[in-house]
Amino acid sequence: MAASRIFRPGLPRLGAGGCRRQAPDAAHWTLRAAAIALIAALVPIPAGAGELPTFHIEAKAGRFHPERVTVPAGVRFKIVVTNRGPGPEEFESIELKKETVLAPGVSRAVVFAPLKPGVYRFFGEFHPETAQGEIVVVDDGAASSP
């Protein structure tokens, strides 16, 4: 065993390559915390993050209620879909590329990117004949109350 690798009390330990290693002191941790705080302060956080306009739809007995949801154009929003049963239901929009399956009693939020004015259809695949609806995107602020 090499004598240089044996720990002797009172002598500093040697790190890889024979260099002396020192434990980080309080100044090191203070500097590190300040750097992290500075980086966090510089990262932009969108105003109103978490405050998306929210609209609610219930699936019950093979139908959506309401069948029409009016939302503002150019704004991210979410629709919370709740399945009141009986049985499973799916909220799906082919043109918006959104879908979620819900067991009875389950609620899920579906977030939508800002949309242009128009009408976007959705349906429930378990009851395609009756579970139908539309999202109407308007420019003039005539959106449904969330």
Protein backbone atom coordinates (compact mmCIF):
# COMPACT_ATOMS: atom_id res chain seq x y z
CA MET A 1 0.00 0.00 0.00
CA ALA A 2 1.40 3.41 -0.93
CA ALA A 3 2.30 5.60 2.02
CA SER A 4 0.80 8.69 0.38
CA ARG A 5 -2.69 7.18 0.45
CA ILE A 6 -2.76 6.38 4.15
CA PHE A 7 -4.70 8.84 6.29
CA ARG A 8 -2.62 10.31 9.06
CA PRO A 9 -4.34 12.40 11.72
CA GLY A 10 -3.32 16.04 11.56
CA LEU A 11 -2.44 15.96 7.86
CA PRO A 12 -4.85 17.10 5.10
CA ARG A 13 -6.41 14.41 2.96
CA LEU A 14 -5.33 14.19 -0.61
CA GLY A 15 -7.89 14.13 -3.40
CA ALA A 16 -7.60 12.64 -6.87
CA GLY A 17 -4.22 13.32 -8.42
CA GLY A 18 -2.63 14.12 -5.05
CA CYS A 19 -4.32 17.54 -4.72
CA ARG A 20 -5.39 18.81 -1.35
CA ARG A 21 -9.18 18.92 -1.02
CA GLN A 22 -10.99 21.33 1.24
CA ALA A 23 -14.58 21.03 2.36
CA PRO A 24 -16.83 23.82 1.12
CA ASP A 25 -17.19 26.53 3.75
CA ALA A 26 -20.17 28.79 4.54
CA ALA A 27 -19.02 31.41 2.03
CA HIS A 28 -19.12 28.79 -0.73
CA TRP A 29 -22.73 27.84 0.08
CA THR A 30 -23.78 31.50 0.43
CA LEU A 31 -22.31 32.29 -2.99
CA ARG A 32 -24.00 29.24 -4.51
CA ALA A 33 -27.40 30.21 -3.02
CA ALA A 34 -27.01 33.78 -4.33
CA ALA A 35 -26.24 32.49 -7.83
CA ILE A 36 -29.33 30.25 -7.79
CA ALA A 37 -31.50 33.14 -6.58
CA LEU A 38 -30.14 35.39 -9.34
CA ILE A 39 -30.85 32.79 -12.03
CA ALA A 40 -34.38 32.26 -10.66
CA ALA A 41 -35.01 36.01 -10.72
CA LEU A 42 -33.97 36.22 -14.38
CA VAL A 43 -36.23 33.40 -15.59
CA PRO A 44 -39.41 34.98 -16.96
CA ILE A 45 -42.68 33.79 -15.47
CA PRO A 46 -45.74 34.59 -17.57
CA ALA A 47 -48.17 36.97 -15.93
CA GLY A 48 -51.22 35.17 -14.68
CA ALA A 49 -49.58 31.75 -14.82
CA GLY A 50 -52.04 29.27 -13.35
CA GLU A 51 -54.96 31.65 -13.88
CA LEU A 52 -56.29 30.21 -17.12
CA PRO A 53 -59.93 30.89 -17.91
CA THR A 54 -61.71 27.67 -16.95
CA PHE A 55 -64.91 26.26 -18.41
CA HIS A 56 -66.80 23.20 -17.14
CA ILE A 57 -68.50 20.41 -19.06
CA GLU A 58 -70.29 17.40 -17.58
CA ALA A 59 -70.76 14.08 -19.33
CA LYS A 60 -73.90 12.38 -18.05
CA ALA A 61 -75.93 9.52 -19.50
CA GLY A 62 -74.22 9.76 -22.89
CA ARG A 63 -74.53 13.55 -23.34
CA PHE A 64 -72.40 16.63 -22.68
CA HIS A 65 -73.82 19.53 -20.63
CA PRO A 66 -73.54 22.21 -21.86
CA GLU A 67 -73.21 21.15 -25.48
CA ARG A 68 -71.78 24.55 -26.46
CA VAL A 69 -68.97 26.39 -24.72
CA THR A 70 -68.07 29.91 -25.86
CA VAL A 71 -64.47 30.96 -25.25
CA PRO A 72 -62.40 34.07 -26.12
CA ALA A 73 -60.13 34.03 -29.17
CA GLY A 74 -56.36 34.27 -28.76
CA VAL A 75 -56.32 33.17 -25.10
CA ARG A 76 -55.13 29.92 -23.52
CA PHE A 77 -57.94 28.28 -21.59
CA LYS A 78 -58.91 24.99 -20.02
CA ILE A 79 -62.02 22.90 -19.98
CA VAL A 80 -62.65 20.69 -16.97
CA VAL A 81 -64.63 17.63 -18.04
CA THR A 82 -66.44 15.65 -15.33
CA ASN A 83 -68.01 12.27 -16.00
CA ARG A 84 -71.19 11.94 -13.91
CA GLY A 85 -71.76 8.43 -15.32
CA PRO A 86 -72.99 5.87 -15.71
CA GLY A 87 -70.08 4.21 -17.45
CA PRO A 88 -66.94 5.63 -19.04
CA GLU A 89 -66.90 8.57 -21.43
CA GLU A 90 -64.35 10.23 -23.66
CA PHE A 91 -63.89 13.89 -24.52
CA GLU A 92 -62.35 14.06 -27.99
CA SER A 93 -61.78 16.69 -30.65
CA ILE A 94 -60.08 15.49 -33.80
CA GLU A 95 -59.50 18.97 -35.22
CA LEU A 96 -58.01 20.23 -31.93
CA LYS A 97 -56.06 16.99 -31.38
CA LYS A 98 -57.34 16.53 -27.83
CA GLU A 99 -58.76 13.49 -26.10
CA THR A 100 -59.16 12.13 -22.61
CA VAL A 101 -61.04 9.11 -21.27
CA LEU A 102 -62.88 9.43 -17.97
CA ALA A 103 -64.21 6.77 -15.65
CA PRO A 104 -67.45 7.59 -13.79
CA GLY A 105 -66.86 10.27 -11.14
CA VAL A 106 -63.56 11.44 -12.65
CA SER A 107 -62.74 15.03 -13.65
CA ARG A 108 -59.89 16.05 -15.95
CA ALA A 109 -58.66 19.41 -17.20
CA VAL A 110 -57.83 19.78 -20.88
CA VAL A 111 -55.71 22.85 -21.71
CA PHE A 112 -56.06 24.53 -25.10
CA ALA A 113 -53.63 26.83 -26.87
CA PRO A 114 -55.04 30.15 -28.08
CA LEU A 115 -57.52 29.51 -30.90
CA LYS A 116 -58.71 31.58 -33.84
CA PRO A 117 -62.41 32.48 -34.02
CA GLY A 118 -64.51 29.58 -35.26
CA VAL A 119 -66.41 26.49 -34.20
CA TYR A 120 -64.54 23.38 -33.07
CA ARG A 121 -66.48 20.16 -32.54
CA PHE A 122 -65.97 17.58 -29.80
CA PHE A 123 -67.63 14.26 -29.06
CA GLY A 124 -67.67 11.26 -26.74
CA GLU A 125 -66.49 8.10 -28.44
CA PHE A 126 -68.50 5.85 -26.09
CA HIS A 127 -71.75 7.60 -27.17
CA PRO A 128 -70.94 9.14 -30.58
CA GLU A 129 -74.60 9.59 -31.55
CA THR A 130 -75.56 11.68 -28.52
CA ALA A 131 -72.38 12.93 -26.79
CA GLN A 132 -71.58 15.84 -29.07
CA GLY A 133 -70.75 19.47 -28.58
CA GLU A 134 -68.80 22.43 -29.81
CA ILE A 135 -66.35 25.04 -28.64
CA VAL A 136 -67.25 28.40 -30.13
CA VAL A 137 -64.30 30.79 -30.21
CA VAL A 138 -65.33 34.46 -30.40
CA ASP A 139 -63.41 37.67 -30.86
CA ASP A 140 -65.72 40.10 -29.10
CA GLY A 141 -65.48 38.93 -25.48
CA ALA A 142 -68.86 37.19 -25.56
CA ALA A 143 -67.35 34.10 -23.94
CA SER A 144 -69.30 31.90 -21.51
CA SER A 145 -68.68 32.78 -17.90
CA PRO A 146 -66.12 30.32 -16.51
